[in-house]
Amino acid sequence: MPDRRDTLPPLDRRALLAALAVAAPATALARPVSPEPARVRLHGRPITMVDCTHKLTKAFDFTPGTQRIGFEPLRGSGEDAGMLLNRVQLVEHTGTHIDAPRHFDPAGKSLGEIPLMDLVVPLARIDLRRKLAQSRNATVDLADIRAWEAEHDRLPDNCCVAMWSGWSPLEELARMPSLPPAQRYASPGFSVEAVRFLAAERRVRGIAVDTMSLDTGGSAPHYPAHGEWLRSGRWGVEGLTNLERIPEAGALLIVAAAPLEGATGLPVRAIALY
């Protein structure tokens, strides 16, 4: 097959969301890989495992005119034995995925340079649902972090702080045409104040959201929370799911991704244990 090198056009959030609202009927929406927690026992101790990952399907092909996920069949040495083999064509920031520092900083660490100890971390979940009822562009701010610490003590060292908005990205896009115009391109995220505090005053390794952007919907094209956070040398995860199934404190997050040299991000398998 001929070598095909697709290029990604500049990201226009409004055009992207408008295209998704038309192209993503309810039957095509991405779902959690495993909607129910799994439970195992390790040396007699019960452990609950929650898959916080969306199925990686073509429902995430949401950049207008560009395929974000593709497969090209290849002929391998085991073809006669029935072996199947594909070349995967993938935009790094697709589905449940990680943003490496290099996503916003050419001199920052690529995905392949992030050490394992930075990707297996305590998880702190901040519930943003009440604020979201007041504004669809609600943010995790300093008051939310202080409230979490007042209840659970200081954020654990080297943790990930996850925003739980109850947002299901593709379901929101499917219902977008029915929303008032002022709400159609809104989505929650982290405030710049919050990420500056987490970077400077707490030993936090990552932040995460159940939306498709660390920033609010009104932040394009500047993405200030992205810029502040990733340029500080830390990572973010976007597109988490099943956050209602994990506790606010006491869980461990595993961000499992291939350590691809030079990558600015990649789809991940995000797993919470408690």
C-alpha atoms as a PDB file:
ATOM      1  CA  MET A   1       0.000   0.000   0.000  1.00  0.00           C
ATOM      2  CA  PRO A   2       1.268   3.566  -0.649  1.00  0.00           C
ATOM      3  CA  ASP A   3       2.758   5.474   2.239  1.00  0.00           C
ATOM      4  CA  ARG A   4       0.098   7.861   3.505  1.00  0.00           C
ATOM      5  CA  ARG A   5       1.185  10.688   5.805  1.00  0.00           C
ATOM      6  CA  ASP A   6      -1.871  12.432   7.219  1.00  0.00           C
ATOM      7  CA  THR A   7      -1.325  15.796   8.842  1.00  0.00           C
ATOM      8  CA  LEU A   8      -3.482  17.198  11.607  1.00  0.00           C
ATOM      9  CA  PRO A   9      -5.085  20.579  10.885  1.00  0.00           C
ATOM     10  CA  PRO A  10      -5.018  23.302  13.554  1.00  0.00           C
ATOM     11  CA  LEU A  11      -7.446  22.368  16.308  1.00  0.00           C
ATOM     12  CA  ASP A  12     -10.587  24.530  16.267  1.00  0.00           C
ATOM     13  CA  ARG A  13     -12.546  23.504  19.375  1.00  0.00           C
ATOM     14  CA  ARG A  14     -15.869  24.884  18.142  1.00  0.00           C
ATOM     15  CA  ALA A  15     -15.604  23.209  14.753  1.00  0.00           C
ATOM     16  CA  LEU A  16     -14.497  19.993  16.430  1.00  0.00           C
ATOM     17  CA  LEU A  17     -17.440  19.923  18.829  1.00  0.00           C
ATOM     18  CA  ALA A  18     -19.928  20.864  16.146  1.00  0.00           C
ATOM     19  CA  ALA A  19     -18.705  18.026  13.922  1.00  0.00           C
ATOM     20  CA  LEU A  20     -18.915  15.578  16.806  1.00  0.00           C
ATOM     21  CA  ALA A  21     -22.460  16.577  17.656  1.00  0.00           C
ATOM     22  CA  VAL A  22     -23.519  15.521  14.168  1.00  0.00           C
ATOM     23  CA  ALA A  23     -21.244  12.515  13.746  1.00  0.00           C
ATOM     24  CA  ALA A  24     -21.544  10.733  17.099  1.00  0.00           C
ATOM     25  CA  PRO A  25     -24.996   9.150  17.483  1.00  0.00           C
ATOM     26  CA  ALA A  26     -25.703   7.453  20.807  1.00  0.00           C
ATOM     27  CA  THR A  27     -25.034   3.991  19.369  1.00  0.00           C
ATOM     28  CA  ALA A  28     -21.459   4.970  18.441  1.00  0.00           C
ATOM     29  CA  LEU A  29     -20.448   6.460  21.776  1.00  0.00           C
ATOM     30  CA  ALA A  30     -17.354   5.196  23.533  1.00  0.00           C
ATOM     31  CA  ARG A  31     -17.973   3.317  26.757  1.00  0.00           C
ATOM     32  CA  PRO A  32     -15.791   2.240  29.661  1.00  0.00           C
ATOM     33  CA  VAL A  33     -13.731  -0.838  28.876  1.00  0.00           C
ATOM     34  CA  SER A  34     -15.018  -2.440  32.079  1.00  0.00           C
ATOM     35  CA  PRO A  35     -18.074  -0.689  33.567  1.00  0.00           C
ATOM     36  CA  GLU A  36     -18.006  -2.694  36.797  1.00  0.00           C
ATOM     37  CA  PRO A  37     -15.122  -2.919  39.297  1.00  0.00           C
ATOM     38  CA  ALA A  38     -13.216  -6.193  39.617  1.00  0.00           C
ATOM     39  CA  ARG A  39     -12.249  -7.611  43.005  1.00  0.00           C
ATOM     40  CA  VAL A  40      -9.333  -9.853  43.842  1.00  0.00           C
ATOM     41  CA  ARG A  41      -7.558 -10.959  47.006  1.00  0.00           C
ATOM     42  CA  LEU A  42      -3.817 -10.567  47.478  1.00  0.00           C
ATOM     43  CA  HIS A  43      -2.464 -12.578  50.416  1.00  0.00           C
ATOM     44  CA  GLY A  44      -5.918 -12.421  51.941  1.00  0.00           C
ATOM     45  CA  ARG A  45      -6.329  -8.680  51.453  1.00  0.00           C
ATOM     46  CA  PRO A  46      -9.257  -7.592  49.240  1.00  0.00           C
ATOM     47  CA  ILE A  47      -8.368  -5.208  46.402  1.00  0.00           C
ATOM     48  CA  THR A  48     -10.835  -3.429  44.121  1.00  0.00           C
ATOM     49  CA  MET A  49      -9.711  -2.617  40.575  1.00  0.00           C
ATOM     50  CA  VAL A  50     -11.518   0.069  38.563  1.00  0.00           C
ATOM     51  CA  ASP A  51     -10.804   0.538  34.864  1.00  0.00           C
ATOM     52  CA  CYS A  52     -10.908   4.309  34.285  1.00  0.00           C
ATOM     53  CA  THR A  53     -10.434   3.918  30.524  1.00  0.00           C
ATOM     54  CA  HIS A  54     -12.800   4.484  27.602  1.00  0.00           C
ATOM     55  CA  LYS A  55     -12.863   1.875  24.853  1.00  0.00           C
ATOM     56  CA  LEU A  56     -10.656   3.231  22.090  1.00  0.00           C
ATOM     57  CA  THR A  57     -13.054   3.263  19.146  1.00  0.00           C
ATOM     58  CA  LYS A  58     -13.722   5.358  16.073  1.00  0.00           C
ATOM     59  CA  ALA A  59     -16.138   7.378  18.201  1.00  0.00           C
ATOM     60  CA  PHE A  60     -13.001   9.380  19.006  1.00  0.00           C
ATOM     61  CA  ASP A  61     -12.384  10.214  15.327  1.00  0.00           C
ATOM     62  CA  PHE A  62     -13.478  13.751  16.057  1.00  0.00           C
ATOM     63  CA  THR A  63     -10.989  15.973  14.246  1.00  0.00           C
ATOM     64  CA  PRO A  64     -12.901  17.158  11.166  1.00  0.00           C
ATOM     65  CA  GLY A  65     -11.470  15.616   7.994  1.00  0.00           C
ATOM     66  CA  THR A  66      -8.746  13.643   9.769  1.00  0.00           C
ATOM     67  CA  GLN A  67      -8.739  10.004  10.836  1.00  0.00           C
ATOM     68  CA  ARG A  68      -7.393   9.691  14.385  1.00  0.00           C
ATOM     69  CA  ILE A  69      -7.475   5.871  14.523  1.00  0.00           C
ATOM     70  CA  GLY A  70      -6.701   3.588  11.586  1.00  0.00           C
ATOM     71  CA  PHE A  71      -5.541   0.040  10.854  1.00  0.00           C
ATOM     72  CA  GLU A  72      -3.592  -1.170   7.839  1.00  0.00           C
ATOM     73  CA  PRO A  73      -3.404  -4.969   7.474  1.00  0.00           C
ATOM     74  CA  LEU A  74       0.121  -6.316   7.046  1.00  0.00           C
ATOM     75  CA  ARG A  75       1.384  -9.641   5.773  1.00  0.00           C
ATOM     76  CA  GLY A  76       3.523 -11.322   8.403  1.00  0.00           C
ATOM     77  CA  SER A  77       5.753 -14.392   8.445  1.00  0.00           C
ATOM     78  CA  GLY A  78       3.017 -16.380  10.185  1.00  0.00           C
ATOM     79  CA  GLU A  79       0.335 -15.640   7.608  1.00  0.00           C
ATOM     80  CA  ASP A  80       0.054 -19.286   6.568  1.00  0.00           C
ATOM     81  CA  ALA A  81      -0.574 -20.218  10.202  1.00  0.00           C
ATOM     82  CA  GLY A  82      -3.430 -17.725  10.440  1.00  0.00           C
ATOM     83  CA  MET A  83      -1.503 -14.880  12.080  1.00  0.00           C
ATOM     84  CA  LEU A  84      -3.106 -11.442  11.792  1.00  0.00           C
ATOM     85  CA  LEU A  85      -1.037  -8.263  11.902  1.00  0.00           C
ATOM     86  CA  ASN A  86      -1.929  -4.565  11.550  1.00  0.00           C
ATOM     87  CA  ARG A  87      -0.042  -1.313  11.342  1.00  0.00           C
ATOM     88  CA  VAL A  88      -1.830   1.137  13.655  1.00  0.00           C
ATOM     89  CA  GLN A  89      -2.133   4.779  12.611  1.00  0.00           C
ATOM     90  CA  LEU A  90      -2.937   6.830  15.676  1.00  0.00           C
ATOM     91  CA  VAL A  91      -3.066  10.463  16.737  1.00  0.00           C
ATOM     92  CA  GLU A  92      -1.336  10.486  20.128  1.00  0.00           C
ATOM     93  CA  HIS A  93      -4.040  12.463  21.937  1.00  0.00           C
ATOM     94  CA  THR A  94      -6.995  10.158  21.334  1.00  0.00           C
ATOM     95  CA  GLY A  95      -9.416   8.530  23.757  1.00  0.00           C
ATOM     96  CA  THR A  96      -8.256   8.196  27.367  1.00  0.00           C
ATOM     97  CA  HIS A  97      -4.711   9.496  26.980  1.00  0.00           C
ATOM     98  CA  ILE A  98      -1.742  11.093  28.674  1.00  0.00           C
ATOM     99  CA  ASP A  99      -0.262  14.510  27.907  1.00  0.00           C
ATOM    100  CA  ALA A 100       3.512  14.386  28.401  1.00  0.00           C
ATOM    101  CA  PRO A 101       5.397  17.629  29.191  1.00  0.00           C
ATOM    102  CA  ARG A 102       6.638  17.727  25.585  1.00  0.00           C
ATOM    103  CA  HIS A 103       3.049  18.301  24.424  1.00  0.00           C
ATOM    104  CA  PHE A 104       3.529  21.987  25.357  1.00  0.00           C
ATOM    105  CA  ASP A 105       7.304  22.194  25.818  1.00  0.00           C
ATOM    106  CA  PRO A 106       9.731  21.124  23.039  1.00  0.00           C
ATOM    107  CA  ALA A 107      12.437  20.670  25.693  1.00  0.00           C
ATOM    108  CA  GLY A 108      10.143  18.769  28.074  1.00  0.00           C
ATOM    109  CA  LYS A 109      10.133  15.037  28.735  1.00  0.00           C
ATOM    110  CA  SER A 110       8.575  12.849  26.100  1.00  0.00           C
ATOM    111  CA  LEU A 111       6.372   9.948  27.153  1.00  0.00           C
ATOM    112  CA  GLY A 112       9.311   7.559  26.912  1.00  0.00           C
ATOM    113  CA  GLU A 113      11.282   9.647  29.425  1.00  0.00           C
ATOM    114  CA  ILE A 114       8.692   9.647  32.232  1.00  0.00           C
ATOM    115  CA  PRO A 115       9.880   7.189  34.897  1.00  0.00           C
ATOM    116  CA  LEU A 116       7.586   4.412  36.091  1.00  0.00           C
ATOM    117  CA  MET A 117       7.533   5.779  39.644  1.00  0.00           C
ATOM    118  CA  ASP A 118       5.849   8.936  38.294  1.00  0.00           C
ATOM    119  CA  LEU A 119       3.063   6.898  36.667  1.00  0.00           C
ATOM    120  CA  VAL A 120       2.026   4.738  39.644  1.00  0.00           C
ATOM    121  CA  VAL A 121       0.766   7.310  42.124  1.00  0.00           C
ATOM    122  CA  PRO A 122      -1.757   8.029  44.883  1.00  0.00           C
ATOM    123  CA  LEU A 123      -5.036   9.387  43.539  1.00  0.00           C
ATOM    124  CA  ALA A 124      -7.038  12.299  44.956  1.00  0.00           C
ATOM    125  CA  ARG A 125     -10.483  12.800  43.422  1.00  0.00           C
ATOM    126  CA  ILE A 126     -12.130  16.227  43.600  1.00  0.00           C
ATOM    127  CA  ASP A 127     -15.901  16.256  43.081  1.00  0.00           C
ATOM    128  CA  LEU A 128     -16.892  19.160  40.809  1.00  0.00           C
ATOM    129  CA  ARG A 129     -20.485  18.102  40.093  1.00  0.00           C
ATOM    130  CA  ARG A 130     -22.191  20.715  42.281  1.00  0.00           C
ATOM    131  CA  LYS A 131     -20.239  23.554  40.665  1.00  0.00           C
ATOM    132  CA  LEU A 132     -20.983  22.157  37.223  1.00  0.00           C
ATOM    133  CA  ALA A 133     -24.704  22.561  37.885  1.00  0.00           C
ATOM    134  CA  GLN A 134     -24.046  26.299  38.195  1.00  0.00           C
ATOM    135  CA  SER A 135     -21.657  26.663  35.248  1.00  0.00           C
ATOM    136  CA  ARG A 136     -20.670  24.241  32.506  1.00  0.00           C
ATOM    137  CA  ASN A 137     -17.282  26.004  32.434  1.00  0.00           C
ATOM    138  CA  ALA A 138     -16.725  25.318  36.146  1.00  0.00           C
ATOM    139  CA  THR A 139     -13.111  24.953  37.269  1.00  0.00           C
ATOM    140  CA  VAL A 140     -11.174  23.126  39.929  1.00  0.00           C
ATOM    141  CA  ASP A 141      -9.796  26.082  41.874  1.00  0.00           C
ATOM    142  CA  LEU A 142      -7.818  26.692  45.023  1.00  0.00           C
ATOM    143  CA  ALA A 143     -10.942  26.571  47.215  1.00  0.00           C
ATOM    144  CA  ASP A 144     -11.737  23.053  45.946  1.00  0.00           C
ATOM    145  CA  ILE A 145      -8.225  21.871  46.786  1.00  0.00           C
ATOM    146  CA  ARG A 146      -8.420  23.430  50.254  1.00  0.00           C
ATOM    147  CA  ALA A 147     -11.797  21.780  50.855  1.00  0.00           C
ATOM    148  CA  TRP A 148     -10.411  18.369  49.867  1.00  0.00           C
ATOM    149  CA  GLU A 149      -7.456  18.814  52.228  1.00  0.00           C
ATOM    150  CA  ALA A 150      -9.711  19.941  55.061  1.00  0.00           C
ATOM    151  CA  GLU A 151     -11.487  16.586  54.826  1.00  0.00           C
ATOM    152  CA  HIS A 152      -8.658  14.242  53.866  1.00  0.00           C
ATOM    153  CA  ASP A 153      -5.458  15.968  55.052  1.00  0.00           C
ATOM    154  CA  ARG A 154      -2.713  17.371  52.813  1.00  0.00           C
ATOM    155  CA  LEU A 155      -2.504  15.982  49.283  1.00  0.00           C
ATOM    156  CA  PRO A 156      -0.194  12.955  49.220  1.00  0.00           C
ATOM    157  CA  ASP A 157       3.278  13.503  47.829  1.00  0.00           C
ATOM    158  CA  ASN A 158       3.661  12.489  44.173  1.00  0.00           C
ATOM    159  CA  CYS A 159      -0.082  12.062  43.686  1.00  0.00           C
ATOM    160  CA  CYS A 160      -2.454  12.703  40.797  1.00  0.00           C
ATOM    161  CA  VAL A 161      -5.360  15.098  41.379  1.00  0.00           C
ATOM    162  CA  ALA A 162      -8.376  14.064  39.306  1.00  0.00           C
ATOM    163  CA  MET A 163     -11.397  16.224  38.524  1.00  0.00           C
ATOM    164  CA  TRP A 164     -14.691  14.327  38.676  1.00  0.00           C
ATOM    165  CA  SER A 165     -17.374  16.304  36.880  1.00  0.00           C
ATOM    166  CA  GLY A 166     -19.617  13.401  35.928  1.00  0.00           C
ATOM    167  CA  TRP A 167     -18.967  14.448  32.317  1.00  0.00           C
ATOM    168  CA  SER A 168     -19.232  11.845  29.576  1.00  0.00           C
ATOM    169  CA  PRO A 169     -17.505  13.596  26.668  1.00  0.00           C
ATOM    170  CA  LEU A 170     -19.156  11.895  23.713  1.00  0.00           C
ATOM    171  CA  GLU A 171     -22.609  11.848  25.299  1.00  0.00           C
ATOM    172  CA  GLU A 172     -22.270  15.584  25.915  1.00  0.00           C
ATOM    173  CA  LEU A 173     -21.342  16.120  22.280  1.00  0.00           C
ATOM    174  CA  ALA A 174     -24.306  14.069  21.074  1.00  0.00           C
ATOM    175  CA  ARG A 175     -26.727  16.221  23.082  1.00  0.00           C
ATOM    176  CA  MET A 176     -25.019  19.508  22.233  1.00  0.00           C
ATOM    177  CA  PRO A 177     -27.545  20.626  19.575  1.00  0.00           C
ATOM    178  CA  SER A 178     -30.279  20.696  22.224  1.00  0.00           C
ATOM    179  CA  LEU A 179     -28.342  23.036  24.520  1.00  0.00           C
ATOM    180  CA  PRO A 180     -28.648  26.842  24.540  1.00  0.00           C
ATOM    181  CA  PRO A 181     -25.985  28.435  22.312  1.00  0.00           C
ATOM    182  CA  ALA A 182     -24.037  29.828  25.279  1.00  0.00           C
ATOM    183  CA  GLN A 183     -23.579  26.321  26.688  1.00  0.00           C
ATOM    184  CA  ARG A 184     -22.702  24.350  23.556  1.00  0.00           C
ATOM    185  CA  TYR A 185     -18.932  24.771  23.731  1.00  0.00           C
ATOM    186  CA  ALA A 186     -18.555  24.772  27.504  1.00  0.00           C
ATOM    187  CA  SER A 187     -16.777  22.100  29.540  1.00  0.00           C
ATOM    188  CA  PRO A 188     -15.135  22.026  32.987  1.00  0.00           C
ATOM    189  CA  GLY A 189     -11.417  21.915  33.710  1.00  0.00           C
ATOM    190  CA  PHE A 190      -8.614  23.158  35.966  1.00  0.00           C
ATOM    191  CA  SER A 191      -8.031  26.831  36.679  1.00  0.00           C
ATOM    192  CA  VAL A 192      -4.606  28.363  36.165  1.00  0.00           C
ATOM    193  CA  GLU A 193      -4.617  29.307  39.864  1.00  0.00           C
ATOM    194  CA  ALA A 194      -5.102  25.649  40.803  1.00  0.00           C
ATOM    195  CA  VAL A 195      -2.340  24.238  38.599  1.00  0.00           C
ATOM    196  CA  ARG A 196       0.109  26.911  39.737  1.00  0.00           C
ATOM    197  CA  PHE A 197      -0.622  26.000  43.362  1.00  0.00           C
ATOM    198  CA  LEU A 198      -0.299  22.259  42.757  1.00  0.00           C
ATOM    199  CA  ALA A 199       3.013  22.772  40.950  1.00  0.00           C
ATOM    200  CA  ALA A 200       4.542  25.248  43.404  1.00  0.00           C
ATOM    201  CA  GLU A 201       3.045  24.376  46.796  1.00  0.00           C
ATOM    202  CA  ARG A 202       2.357  20.634  46.589  1.00  0.00           C
ATOM    203  CA  ARG A 203       4.391  17.683  45.312  1.00  0.00           C
ATOM    204  CA  VAL A 204       1.833  16.620  42.710  1.00  0.00           C
ATOM    205  CA  ARG A 205       2.931  14.523  39.708  1.00  0.00           C
ATOM    206  CA  GLY A 206      -0.161  14.641  37.534  1.00  0.00           C
ATOM    207  CA  ILE A 207      -3.636  16.043  37.078  1.00  0.00           C
ATOM    208  CA  ALA A 208      -6.511  14.287  35.325  1.00  0.00           C
ATOM    209  CA  VAL A 209     -10.015  15.005  34.052  1.00  0.00           C
ATOM    210  CA  ASP A 210     -13.037  13.071  32.846  1.00  0.00           C
ATOM    211  CA  THR A 211     -13.423  15.574  29.992  1.00  0.00           C
ATOM    212  CA  MET A 212     -11.217  15.755  26.907  1.00  0.00           C
ATOM    213  CA  SER A 213      -9.203  18.787  28.029  1.00  0.00           C
ATOM    214  CA  LEU A 214      -7.401  19.899  31.177  1.00  0.00           C
ATOM    215  CA  ASP A 215      -8.677  23.394  30.367  1.00  0.00           C
ATOM    216  CA  THR A 216     -12.242  24.658  30.312  1.00  0.00           C
ATOM    217  CA  GLY A 217     -14.108  24.803  27.028  1.00  0.00           C
ATOM    218  CA  GLY A 218     -13.687  28.554  26.761  1.00  0.00           C
ATOM    219  CA  SER A 219      -9.894  28.462  26.941  1.00  0.00           C
ATOM    220  CA  ALA A 220      -9.110  27.686  23.297  1.00  0.00           C
ATOM    221  CA  PRO A 221      -6.868  28.465  21.537  1.00  0.00           C
ATOM    222  CA  HIS A 222      -4.513  29.402  24.388  1.00  0.00           C
ATOM    223  CA  TYR A 223      -5.048  26.468  26.818  1.00  0.00           C
ATOM    224  CA  PRO A 224      -3.492  28.247  29.819  1.00  0.00           C
ATOM    225  CA  ALA A 225      -3.875  25.366  32.319  1.00  0.00           C
ATOM    226  CA  HIS A 226      -2.217  22.982  29.844  1.00  0.00           C
ATOM    227  CA  GLY A 227       0.675  25.377  29.345  1.00  0.00           C
ATOM    228  CA  GLU A 228       1.281  26.116  33.017  1.00  0.00           C
ATOM    229  CA  TRP A 229       1.087  22.464  34.076  1.00  0.00           C
ATOM    230  CA  LEU A 230       2.963  20.661  31.313  1.00  0.00           C
ATOM    231  CA  ARG A 231       5.748  23.238  31.148  1.00  0.00           C
ATOM    232  CA  SER A 232       6.354  22.574  34.851  1.00  0.00           C
ATOM    233  CA  GLY A 233       7.526  19.086  33.847  1.00  0.00           C
ATOM    234  CA  ARG A 234       4.415  17.207  34.950  1.00  0.00           C
ATOM    235  CA  TRP A 235       1.826  15.131  33.073  1.00  0.00           C
ATOM    236  CA  GLY A 236      -1.932  15.188  32.595  1.00  0.00           C
ATOM    237  CA  VAL A 237      -4.496  12.539  31.701  1.00  0.00           C
ATOM    238  CA  GLU A 238      -7.676  13.336  29.785  1.00  0.00           C
ATOM    239  CA  GLY A 239     -10.791  11.263  29.153  1.00  0.00           C
ATOM    240  CA  LEU A 240     -10.992   9.250  32.380  1.00  0.00           C
ATOM    241  CA  THR A 241     -14.196   7.389  33.154  1.00  0.00           C
ATOM    242  CA  ASN A 242     -15.712   5.440  36.075  1.00  0.00           C
ATOM    243  CA  LEU A 243     -14.505   8.048  38.573  1.00  0.00           C
ATOM    244  CA  GLU A 244     -17.762   7.649  40.508  1.00  0.00           C
ATOM    245  CA  ARG A 245     -16.554   4.149  41.429  1.00  0.00           C
ATOM    246  CA  ILE A 246     -13.412   5.208  43.280  1.00  0.00           C
ATOM    247  CA  PRO A 247     -13.019   6.911  46.683  1.00  0.00           C
ATOM    248  CA  GLU A 248     -12.015  10.546  47.079  1.00  0.00           C
ATOM    249  CA  ALA A 249      -8.842   9.447  48.858  1.00  0.00           C
ATOM    250  CA  GLY A 250      -6.920   6.230  49.365  1.00  0.00           C
ATOM    251  CA  ALA A 251      -6.740   4.872  45.796  1.00  0.00           C
ATOM    252  CA  LEU A 252      -3.657   4.195  43.690  1.00  0.00           C
ATOM    253  CA  LEU A 253      -3.629   5.190  40.007  1.00  0.00           C
ATOM    254  CA  ILE A 254      -1.664   3.250  37.399  1.00  0.00           C
ATOM    255  CA  VAL A 255      -1.155   5.118  34.106  1.00  0.00           C
ATOM    256  CA  ALA A 256      -0.059   2.372  31.727  1.00  0.00           C
ATOM    257  CA  ALA A 257       1.301   3.486  28.360  1.00  0.00           C
ATOM    258  CA  ALA A 258       4.016   2.273  26.021  1.00  0.00           C
ATOM    259  CA  PRO A 259       7.193   4.321  26.725  1.00  0.00           C
ATOM    260  CA  LEU A 260       7.362   5.617  23.159  1.00  0.00           C
ATOM    261  CA  GLU A 261      10.478   7.696  22.623  1.00  0.00           C
ATOM    262  CA  GLY A 262       9.693  11.219  21.467  1.00  0.00           C
ATOM    263  CA  ALA A 263       5.914  10.928  21.990  1.00  0.00           C
ATOM    264  CA  THR A 264       3.995  13.955  23.290  1.00  0.00           C
ATOM    265  CA  GLY A 265       1.256  11.636  24.541  1.00  0.00           C
ATOM    266  CA  LEU A 266      -0.475   8.321  23.896  1.00  0.00           C
ATOM    267  CA  PRO A 267      -3.669   6.449  24.752  1.00  0.00           C
ATOM    268  CA  VAL A 268      -3.338   4.806  28.165  1.00  0.00           C
ATOM    269  CA  ARG A 269      -4.956   2.104  30.274  1.00  0.00           C
ATOM    270  CA  ALA A 270      -5.751   3.993  33.482  1.00  0.00           C
ATOM    271  CA  ILE A 271      -6.447   1.700  36.436  1.00  0.00           C
ATOM    272  CA  ALA A 272      -7.389   2.660  40.000  1.00  0.00           C
ATOM    273  CA  LEU A 273      -6.731   0.242  42.875  1.00  0.00           C
ATOM    274  CA  TYR A 274      -8.004   0.508  46.427  1.00  0.00           C
END
